Full PDB file with SEQRES, HELIX, SHEET, SSBOND, CRYST1, ORIGX, SCALE, CONECT and MASTER records, all heavy atoms in Angstrom:
SEQRES   1 A   33  ARG LEU ILE GLU GLU GLY LYS SER ALA SER PHE LEU SER          
SEQRES   2 A   33  ILE LEU THR THR TRP VAL TRP ASN GLY GLY PRO PHE THR          
SEQRES   3 A   33  VAL PRO SER ALA MET SER LYS                                  
HELIX    1 AA1 LEU A    2  GLU A    5  1                                   4    
HELIX    2 AA2 TRP A   18  ASN A   21  1                                   4    
HELIX    3 AA3 VAL A   27  SER A   32  1                                   6    
CRYST1    1.000    1.000    1.000  90.00  90.00  90.00 P 1           1          
ORIGX1      1.000000  0.000000  0.000000        0.00000                         
ORIGX2      0.000000  1.000000  0.000000        0.00000                         
ORIGX3      0.000000  0.000000  1.000000        0.00000                         
SCALE1      1.000000  0.000000  0.000000        0.00000                         
SCALE2      0.000000  1.000000  0.000000        0.00000                         
SCALE3      0.000000  0.000000  1.000000        0.00000                         
ATOM      1  N   ARG A   1      -4.298   0.147 -11.212  1.00  0.00           N  
ATOM      2  CA  ARG A   1      -4.438   1.506 -11.769  1.00  0.00           C  
ATOM      3  C   ARG A   1      -5.880   1.766 -12.181  1.00  0.00           C  
ATOM      4  O   ARG A   1      -6.425   2.864 -11.949  1.00  0.00           O  
ATOM      5  CB  ARG A   1      -3.514   1.669 -12.972  1.00  0.00           C  
ATOM      6  CG  ARG A   1      -2.026   1.579 -12.655  1.00  0.00           C  
ATOM      7  CD  ARG A   1      -1.211   1.642 -13.934  1.00  0.00           C  
ATOM      8  NE  ARG A   1       0.171   1.236 -13.738  1.00  0.00           N  
ATOM      9  CZ  ARG A   1       1.238   2.022 -13.942  1.00  0.00           C  
ATOM     10  NH1 ARG A   1       1.048   3.262 -14.352  1.00  0.00           N  
ATOM     11  NH2 ARG A   1       2.451   1.569 -13.743  1.00  0.00           N  
ATOM     12  N   LEU A   2      -6.485   0.787 -12.836  1.00  0.00           N  
ATOM     13  CA  LEU A   2      -7.864   0.967 -13.293  1.00  0.00           C  
ATOM     14  C   LEU A   2      -8.832   1.119 -12.129  1.00  0.00           C  
ATOM     15  O   LEU A   2      -9.753   1.941 -12.169  1.00  0.00           O  
ATOM     16  CB  LEU A   2      -8.270  -0.219 -14.166  1.00  0.00           C  
ATOM     17  CG  LEU A   2      -7.522  -0.347 -15.504  1.00  0.00           C  
ATOM     18  CD1 LEU A   2      -7.779  -1.711 -16.126  1.00  0.00           C  
ATOM     19  CD2 LEU A   2      -7.938   0.758 -16.472  1.00  0.00           C  
ATOM     20  N   ILE A   3      -8.627   0.326 -11.083  1.00  0.00           N  
ATOM     21  CA  ILE A   3      -9.480   0.437  -9.895  1.00  0.00           C  
ATOM     22  C   ILE A   3      -9.340   1.818  -9.271  1.00  0.00           C  
ATOM     23  O   ILE A   3     -10.337   2.469  -8.914  1.00  0.00           O  
ATOM     24  CB  ILE A   3      -9.130  -0.672  -8.887  1.00  0.00           C  
ATOM     25  CG1 ILE A   3      -9.535  -2.047  -9.439  1.00  0.00           C  
ATOM     26  CG2 ILE A   3      -9.799  -0.407  -7.535  1.00  0.00           C  
ATOM     27  CD1 ILE A   3      -8.997  -3.215  -8.637  1.00  0.00           C  
ATOM     28  N   GLU A   4      -8.118   2.288  -9.149  1.00  0.00           N  
ATOM     29  CA  GLU A   4      -7.870   3.599  -8.542  1.00  0.00           C  
ATOM     30  C   GLU A   4      -8.538   4.713  -9.343  1.00  0.00           C  
ATOM     31  O   GLU A   4      -9.057   5.676  -8.771  1.00  0.00           O  
ATOM     32  CB  GLU A   4      -6.362   3.847  -8.438  1.00  0.00           C  
ATOM     33  CG  GLU A   4      -6.009   5.164  -7.764  1.00  0.00           C  
ATOM     34  CD  GLU A   4      -4.509   5.364  -7.619  1.00  0.00           C  
ATOM     35  OE1 GLU A   4      -3.750   4.379  -7.806  1.00  0.00           O  
ATOM     36  OE2 GLU A   4      -4.092   6.495  -7.324  1.00  0.00           O  
ATOM     37  N   GLU A   5      -8.542   4.576 -10.677  1.00  0.00           N  
ATOM     38  CA  GLU A   5      -9.106   5.616 -11.528  1.00  0.00           C  
ATOM     39  C   GLU A   5     -10.587   5.415 -11.818  1.00  0.00           C  
ATOM     40  O   GLU A   5     -11.214   6.254 -12.477  1.00  0.00           O  
ATOM     41  CB  GLU A   5      -8.323   5.672 -12.850  1.00  0.00           C  
ATOM     42  CG  GLU A   5      -6.871   6.078 -12.673  1.00  0.00           C  
ATOM     43  CD  GLU A   5      -6.116   6.138 -13.998  1.00  0.00           C  
ATOM     44  OE1 GLU A   5      -6.767   6.135 -15.070  1.00  0.00           O  
ATOM     45  OE2 GLU A   5      -4.877   6.194 -13.955  1.00  0.00           O  
ATOM     46  N   GLY A   6     -11.151   4.317 -11.368  1.00  0.00           N  
ATOM     47  CA  GLY A   6     -12.563   4.050 -11.607  1.00  0.00           C  
ATOM     48  C   GLY A   6     -12.884   3.761 -13.060  1.00  0.00           C  
ATOM     49  O   GLY A   6     -13.985   4.061 -13.539  1.00  0.00           O  
ATOM     50  N   LYS A   7     -11.954   3.111 -13.782  1.00  0.00           N  
ATOM     51  CA  LYS A   7     -12.128   2.812 -15.201  1.00  0.00           C  
ATOM     52  C   LYS A   7     -12.446   1.335 -15.407  1.00  0.00           C  
ATOM     53  O   LYS A   7     -11.890   0.463 -14.728  1.00  0.00           O  
ATOM     54  CB  LYS A   7     -10.849   3.162 -15.981  1.00  0.00           C  
ATOM     55  CG  LYS A   7     -10.415   4.617 -15.864  1.00  0.00           C  
ATOM     56  CD  LYS A   7     -11.343   5.542 -16.612  1.00  0.00           C  
ATOM     57  CE  LYS A   7     -10.925   6.989 -16.473  1.00  0.00           C  
ATOM     58  NZ  LYS A   7      -9.592   7.257 -17.054  1.00  0.00           N  
ATOM     59  N   SER A   8     -13.328   1.050 -16.337  1.00  0.00           N  
ATOM     60  CA  SER A   8     -13.657  -0.335 -16.676  1.00  0.00           C  
ATOM     61  C   SER A   8     -12.726  -0.826 -17.777  1.00  0.00           C  
ATOM     62  O   SER A   8     -12.161  -0.035 -18.541  1.00  0.00           O  
ATOM     63  CB  SER A   8     -15.105  -0.458 -17.128  1.00  0.00           C  
ATOM     64  OG  SER A   8     -15.334   0.341 -18.275  1.00  0.00           O  
ATOM     65  N   ALA A   9     -12.561  -2.144 -17.881  1.00  0.00           N  
ATOM     66  CA  ALA A   9     -11.687  -2.728 -18.900  1.00  0.00           C  
ATOM     67  C   ALA A   9     -11.963  -4.224 -18.992  1.00  0.00           C  
ATOM     68  O   ALA A   9     -12.585  -4.823 -18.113  1.00  0.00           O  
ATOM     69  CB  ALA A   9     -10.209  -2.491 -18.570  1.00  0.00           C  
ATOM     70  N   SER A  10     -11.455  -4.809 -20.064  1.00  0.00           N  
ATOM     71  CA  SER A  10     -11.588  -6.241 -20.287  1.00  0.00           C  
ATOM     72  C   SER A  10     -10.210  -6.877 -20.344  1.00  0.00           C  
ATOM     73  O   SER A  10      -9.319  -6.377 -21.040  1.00  0.00           O  
ATOM     74  CB  SER A  10     -12.332  -6.502 -21.602  1.00  0.00           C  
ATOM     75  OG  SER A  10     -12.440  -7.893 -21.850  1.00  0.00           O  
ATOM     76  N   PHE A  11     -10.037  -7.970 -19.613  1.00  0.00           N  
ATOM     77  CA  PHE A  11      -8.791  -8.737 -19.621  1.00  0.00           C  
ATOM     78  C   PHE A  11      -9.068 -10.092 -20.283  1.00  0.00           C  
ATOM     79  O   PHE A  11     -10.055 -10.765 -19.959  1.00  0.00           O  
ATOM     80  CB  PHE A  11      -8.282  -8.978 -18.196  1.00  0.00           C  
ATOM     81  CG  PHE A  11      -7.757  -7.756 -17.507  1.00  0.00           C  
ATOM     82  CD1 PHE A  11      -8.636  -6.802 -17.007  1.00  0.00           C  
ATOM     83  CD2 PHE A  11      -6.398  -7.558 -17.336  1.00  0.00           C  
ATOM     84  CE1 PHE A  11      -8.155  -5.673 -16.350  1.00  0.00           C  
ATOM     85  CE2 PHE A  11      -5.906  -6.437 -16.682  1.00  0.00           C  
ATOM     86  CZ  PHE A  11      -6.797  -5.480 -16.186  1.00  0.00           C  
ATOM     87  N   LEU A  12      -8.176 -10.470 -21.181  1.00  0.00           N  
ATOM     88  CA  LEU A  12      -8.305 -11.744 -21.888  1.00  0.00           C  
ATOM     89  C   LEU A  12      -6.982 -12.485 -21.800  1.00  0.00           C  
ATOM     90  O   LEU A  12      -5.930 -11.935 -22.120  1.00  0.00           O  
ATOM     91  CB  LEU A  12      -8.660 -11.492 -23.358  1.00  0.00           C  
ATOM     92  CG  LEU A  12      -8.760 -12.722 -24.269  1.00  0.00           C  
ATOM     93  CD1 LEU A  12      -9.922 -13.604 -23.844  1.00  0.00           C  
ATOM     94  CD2 LEU A  12      -8.914 -12.292 -25.724  1.00  0.00           C  
ATOM     95  N   SER A  13      -7.018 -13.740 -21.359  1.00  0.00           N  
ATOM     96  CA  SER A  13      -5.805 -14.556 -21.292  1.00  0.00           C  
ATOM     97  C   SER A  13      -5.906 -15.704 -22.284  1.00  0.00           C  
ATOM     98  O   SER A  13      -6.973 -16.296 -22.461  1.00  0.00           O  
ATOM     99  CB  SER A  13      -5.609 -15.111 -19.872  1.00  0.00           C  
ATOM    100  OG  SER A  13      -5.353 -14.069 -18.955  1.00  0.00           O  
ATOM    101  N   ILE A  14      -4.779 -16.007 -22.928  1.00  0.00           N  
ATOM    102  CA  ILE A  14      -4.721 -17.104 -23.891  1.00  0.00           C  
ATOM    103  C   ILE A  14      -4.189 -18.340 -23.174  1.00  0.00           C  
ATOM    104  O   ILE A  14      -3.044 -18.370 -22.730  1.00  0.00           O  
ATOM    105  CB  ILE A  14      -3.845 -16.739 -25.100  1.00  0.00           C  
ATOM    106  CG1 ILE A  14      -4.342 -15.431 -25.736  1.00  0.00           C  
ATOM    107  CG2 ILE A  14      -3.867 -17.872 -26.119  1.00  0.00           C  
ATOM    108  CD1 ILE A  14      -5.802 -15.446 -26.179  1.00  0.00           C  
ATOM    109  N   LEU A  15      -5.027 -19.351 -23.059  1.00  0.00           N  
ATOM    110  CA  LEU A  15      -4.690 -20.574 -22.337  1.00  0.00           C  
ATOM    111  C   LEU A  15      -4.636 -21.746 -23.312  1.00  0.00           C  
ATOM    112  O   LEU A  15      -4.313 -21.588 -24.470  1.00  0.00           O  
ATOM    113  CB  LEU A  15      -5.722 -20.817 -21.227  1.00  0.00           C  
ATOM    114  CG  LEU A  15      -5.935 -19.653 -20.263  1.00  0.00           C  
ATOM    115  CD1 LEU A  15      -6.983 -20.006 -19.216  1.00  0.00           C  
ATOM    116  CD2 LEU A  15      -4.627 -19.257 -19.580  1.00  0.00           C  
ATOM    117  N   THR A  16      -4.910 -22.928 -22.841  1.00  0.00           N  
ATOM    118  CA  THR A  16      -5.054 -24.123 -23.677  1.00  0.00           C  
ATOM    119  C   THR A  16      -6.095 -25.019 -23.013  1.00  0.00           C  
ATOM    120  O   THR A  16      -6.438 -24.824 -21.842  1.00  0.00           O  
ATOM    121  CB  THR A  16      -3.741 -24.934 -23.803  1.00  0.00           C  
ATOM    122  OG1 THR A  16      -3.486 -25.574 -22.544  1.00  0.00           O  
ATOM    123  CG2 THR A  16      -2.566 -24.061 -24.185  1.00  0.00           C  
ATOM    124  N   THR A  17      -6.571 -26.009 -23.738  1.00  0.00           N  
ATOM    125  CA  THR A  17      -7.537 -26.939 -23.147  1.00  0.00           C  
ATOM    126  C   THR A  17      -6.891 -27.827 -22.080  1.00  0.00           C  
ATOM    127  O   THR A  17      -7.597 -28.531 -21.352  1.00  0.00           O  
ATOM    128  CB  THR A  17      -8.188 -27.826 -24.224  1.00  0.00           C  
ATOM    129  OG1 THR A  17      -7.171 -28.529 -24.947  1.00  0.00           O  
ATOM    130  CG2 THR A  17      -9.015 -26.983 -25.184  1.00  0.00           C  
ATOM    131  N   TRP A  18      -5.568 -27.771 -21.960  1.00  0.00           N  
ATOM    132  CA  TRP A  18      -4.898 -28.559 -20.919  1.00  0.00           C  
ATOM    133  C   TRP A  18      -5.311 -28.115 -19.527  1.00  0.00           C  
ATOM    134  O   TRP A  18      -5.111 -28.861 -18.565  1.00  0.00           O  
ATOM    135  CB  TRP A  18      -3.380 -28.426 -21.033  1.00  0.00           C  
ATOM    136  CG  TRP A  18      -2.833 -28.673 -22.394  1.00  0.00           C  
ATOM    137  CD1 TRP A  18      -3.380 -29.446 -23.374  1.00  0.00           C  
ATOM    138  CD2 TRP A  18      -1.633 -28.127 -22.938  1.00  0.00           C  
ATOM    139  NE1 TRP A  18      -2.594 -29.427 -24.498  1.00  0.00           N  
ATOM    140  CE2 TRP A  18      -1.511 -28.620 -24.266  1.00  0.00           C  
ATOM    141  CE3 TRP A  18      -0.653 -27.276 -22.450  1.00  0.00           C  
ATOM    142  CZ2 TRP A  18      -0.446 -28.286 -25.087  1.00  0.00           C  
ATOM    143  CZ3 TRP A  18       0.415 -26.938 -23.267  1.00  0.00           C  
ATOM    144  CH2 TRP A  18       0.513 -27.443 -24.581  1.00  0.00           C  
ATOM    145  N   VAL A  19      -5.870 -26.920 -19.383  1.00  0.00           N  
ATOM    146  CA  VAL A  19      -6.273 -26.472 -18.050  1.00  0.00           C  
ATOM    147  C   VAL A  19      -7.385 -27.353 -17.487  1.00  0.00           C  
ATOM    148  O   VAL A  19      -7.646 -27.339 -16.280  1.00  0.00           O  
ATOM    149  CB  VAL A  19      -6.727 -24.993 -18.054  1.00  0.00           C  
ATOM    150  CG1 VAL A  19      -5.607 -24.099 -18.556  1.00  0.00           C  
ATOM    151  CG2 VAL A  19      -7.993 -24.789 -18.881  1.00  0.00           C  
ATOM    152  N   TRP A  20      -8.048 -28.137 -18.341  1.00  0.00           N  
ATOM    153  CA  TRP A  20      -9.141 -28.988 -17.895  1.00  0.00           C  
ATOM    154  C   TRP A  20      -8.724 -30.449 -17.718  1.00  0.00           C  
ATOM    155  O   TRP A  20      -9.357 -31.169 -16.958  1.00  0.00           O  
ATOM    156  CB  TRP A  20     -10.308 -28.920 -18.888  1.00  0.00           C  
ATOM    157  CG  TRP A  20     -10.923 -27.558 -18.966  1.00  0.00           C  
ATOM    158  CD1 TRP A  20     -11.334 -26.780 -17.921  1.00  0.00           C  
ATOM    159  CD2 TRP A  20     -11.192 -26.816 -20.150  1.00  0.00           C  
ATOM    160  NE1 TRP A  20     -11.842 -25.587 -18.387  1.00  0.00           N  
ATOM    161  CE2 TRP A  20     -11.780 -25.579 -19.753  1.00  0.00           C  
ATOM    162  CE3 TRP A  20     -11.017 -27.062 -21.519  1.00  0.00           C  
ATOM    163  CZ2 TRP A  20     -12.176 -24.608 -20.661  1.00  0.00           C  
ATOM    164  CZ3 TRP A  20     -11.407 -26.091 -22.426  1.00  0.00           C  
ATOM    165  CH2 TRP A  20     -11.981 -24.886 -21.988  1.00  0.00           C  
ATOM    166  N   ASN A  21      -7.699 -30.889 -18.434  1.00  0.00           N  
ATOM    167  CA  ASN A  21      -7.364 -32.319 -18.329  1.00  0.00           C  
ATOM    168  C   ASN A  21      -5.869 -32.594 -18.239  1.00  0.00           C  
ATOM    169  O   ASN A  21      -5.444 -33.732 -18.302  1.00  0.00           O  
ATOM    170  CB  ASN A  21      -7.940 -33.091 -19.532  1.00  0.00           C  
ATOM    171  CG  ASN A  21      -7.240 -32.749 -20.833  1.00  0.00           C  
ATOM    172  OD1 ASN A  21      -6.698 -31.653 -20.986  1.00  0.00           O  
ATOM    173  ND2 ASN A  21      -7.239 -33.678 -21.786  1.00  0.00           N  
ATOM    174  N   GLY A  22      -5.054 -31.553 -18.055  1.00  0.00           N  
ATOM    175  CA  GLY A  22      -3.617 -31.751 -17.900  1.00  0.00           C  
ATOM    176  C   GLY A  22      -2.877 -31.782 -19.222  1.00  0.00           C  
ATOM    177  O   GLY A  22      -3.471 -31.991 -20.283  1.00  0.00           O  
ATOM    178  N   GLY A  23      -1.571 -31.571 -19.137  1.00  0.00           N  
ATOM    179  CA  GLY A  23      -0.745 -31.520 -20.335  1.00  0.00           C  
ATOM    180  C   GLY A  23       0.482 -32.393 -20.209  1.00  0.00           C  
ATOM    181  O   GLY A  23       1.579 -31.911 -19.883  1.00  0.00           O  
ATOM    182  N   PRO A  24       0.345 -33.703 -20.433  1.00  0.00           N  
ATOM    183  CA  PRO A  24       1.531 -34.559 -20.397  1.00  0.00           C  
ATOM    184  C   PRO A  24       2.569 -34.093 -21.398  1.00  0.00           C  
ATOM    185  O   PRO A  24       2.235 -33.715 -22.512  1.00  0.00           O  
ATOM    186  CB  PRO A  24       0.982 -35.943 -20.759  1.00  0.00           C  
ATOM    187  CG  PRO A  24      -0.337 -35.691 -21.420  1.00  0.00           C  
ATOM    188  CD  PRO A  24      -0.869 -34.437 -20.817  1.00  0.00           C  
ATOM    189  N   PHE A  25       3.825 -34.084 -20.975  1.00  0.00           N  
ATOM    190  CA  PHE A  25       4.984 -33.648 -21.752  1.00  0.00           C  
ATOM    191  C   PHE A  25       5.051 -32.123 -21.894  1.00  0.00           C  
ATOM    192  O   PHE A  25       5.957 -31.616 -22.545  1.00  0.00           O  
ATOM    193  CB  PHE A  25       5.034 -34.324 -23.135  1.00  0.00           C  
ATOM    194  CG  PHE A  25       5.062 -35.822 -23.060  1.00  0.00           C  
ATOM    195  CD1 PHE A  25       3.947 -36.568 -23.383  1.00  0.00           C  
ATOM    196  CD2 PHE A  25       6.200 -36.499 -22.633  1.00  0.00           C  
ATOM    197  CE1 PHE A  25       3.953 -37.955 -23.290  1.00  0.00           C  
ATOM    198  CE2 PHE A  25       6.231 -37.876 -22.540  1.00  0.00           C  
ATOM    199  CZ  PHE A  25       5.103 -38.610 -22.860  1.00  0.00           C  
ATOM    200  N   THR A  26       4.147 -31.396 -21.270  1.00  0.00           N  
ATOM    201  CA  THR A  26       4.205 -29.927 -21.207  1.00  0.00           C  
ATOM    202  C   THR A  26       3.777 -29.489 -19.799  1.00  0.00           C  
ATOM    203  O   THR A  26       3.026 -28.521 -19.638  1.00  0.00           O  
ATOM    204  CB  THR A  26       3.283 -29.271 -22.252  1.00  0.00           C  
ATOM    205  OG1 THR A  26       1.954 -29.799 -22.100  1.00  0.00           O  
ATOM    206  CG2 THR A  26       3.772 -29.508 -23.660  1.00  0.00           C  
ATOM    207  N   VAL A  27       4.261 -30.174 -18.781  1.00  0.00           N  
ATOM    208  CA  VAL A  27       3.766 -29.976 -17.423  1.00  0.00           C  
ATOM    209  C   VAL A  27       3.993 -28.555 -16.899  1.00  0.00           C  
ATOM    210  O   VAL A  27       3.077 -27.966 -16.306  1.00  0.00           O  
ATOM    211  CB  VAL A  27       4.361 -31.036 -16.475  1.00  0.00           C  
ATOM    212  CG1 VAL A  27       4.142 -30.673 -15.007  1.00  0.00           C  
ATOM    213  CG2 VAL A  27       3.726 -32.394 -16.777  1.00  0.00           C  
ATOM    214  N   PRO A  28       5.173 -27.918 -17.076  1.00  0.00           N  
ATOM    215  CA  PRO A  28       5.325 -26.548 -16.563  1.00  0.00           C  
ATOM    216  C   PRO A  28       4.302 -25.580 -17.148  1.00  0.00           C  
ATOM    217  O   PRO A  28       3.739 -24.750 -16.429  1.00  0.00           O  
ATOM    218  CB  PRO A  28       6.756 -26.175 -16.972  1.00  0.00           C  
ATOM    219  CG  PRO A  28       7.468 -27.483 -17.075  1.00  0.00           C  
ATOM    220  CD  PRO A  28       6.444 -28.439 -17.629  1.00  0.00           C  
ATOM    221  N   SER A  29       4.036 -25.691 -18.450  1.00  0.00           N  
ATOM    222  CA  SER A  29       3.054 -24.824 -19.089  1.00  0.00           C  
ATOM    223  C   SER A  29       1.644 -25.150 -18.621  1.00  0.00           C  
ATOM    224  O   SER A  29       0.840 -24.253 -18.333  1.00  0.00           O  
ATOM    225  CB  SER A  29       3.141 -24.962 -20.610  1.00  0.00           C  
ATOM    226  OG  SER A  29       2.115 -24.230 -21.247  1.00  0.00           O  
ATOM    227  N   ALA A  30       1.321 -26.442 -18.540  1.00  0.00           N  
ATOM    228  CA  ALA A  30      -0.022 -26.837 -18.110  1.00  0.00           C  
ATOM    229  C   ALA A  30      -0.298 -26.356 -16.692  1.00  0.00           C  
ATOM    230  O   ALA A  30      -1.396 -25.856 -16.392  1.00  0.00           O  
ATOM    231  CB  ALA A  30      -0.174 -28.353 -18.199  1.00  0.00           C  
ATOM    232  N   MET A  31       0.679 -26.476 -15.804  1.00  0.00           N  
ATOM    233  CA  MET A  31       0.514 -25.984 -14.440  1.00  0.00           C  
ATOM    234  C   MET A  31       0.302 -24.472 -14.424  1.00  0.00           C  
ATOM    235  O   MET A  31      -0.593 -23.959 -13.731  1.00  0.00           O  
ATOM    236  CB  MET A  31       1.748 -26.339 -13.607  1.00  0.00           C  
ATOM    237  CG  MET A  31       1.921 -27.812 -13.309  1.00  0.00           C  
ATOM    238  SD  MET A  31       3.499 -28.162 -12.478  1.00  0.00           S  
ATOM    239  CE  MET A  31       3.266 -27.295 -10.924  1.00  0.00           C  
ATOM    240  N   SER A  32       1.117 -23.751 -15.191  1.00  0.00           N  
ATOM    241  CA  SER A  32       1.057 -22.290 -15.184  1.00  0.00           C  
ATOM    242  C   SER A  32      -0.244 -21.776 -15.773  1.00  0.00           C  
ATOM    243  O   SER A  32      -0.869 -20.854 -15.241  1.00  0.00           O  
ATOM    244  CB  SER A  32       2.255 -21.723 -15.949  1.00  0.00           C  
ATOM    245  OG  SER A  32       3.476 -22.091 -15.334  1.00  0.00           O  
ATOM    246  N   LYS A  33      -0.667 -22.369 -16.881  1.00  0.00           N  
ATOM    247  CA  LYS A  33      -1.902 -21.915 -17.515  1.00  0.00           C  
ATOM    248  C   LYS A  33      -3.125 -22.289 -16.678  1.00  0.00           C  
ATOM    249  O   LYS A  33      -4.135 -21.563 -16.673  1.00  0.00           O  
ATOM    250  CB  LYS A  33      -1.999 -22.466 -18.936  1.00  0.00           C  
ATOM    251  CG  LYS A  33      -1.049 -21.773 -19.909  1.00  0.00           C  
ATOM    252  CD  LYS A  33      -1.228 -22.239 -21.334  1.00  0.00           C  
ATOM    253  CE  LYS A  33      -0.295 -21.486 -22.285  1.00  0.00           C  
ATOM    254  NZ  LYS A  33      -0.686 -20.062 -22.444  1.00  0.00           N  
TER     255      LYS A  33                                                      
MASTER        0    0    0    3    0    0    0    6  254    1    0    3          
END                                                                             
């Protein structure tokens, strides 16, 4: 929608540090994030 309307915006996602070294015992979340 923003691209179609030519509007700028900021997107922010909340992750975890597991995205860099993996998340043992939280594998589905670590994979998704």
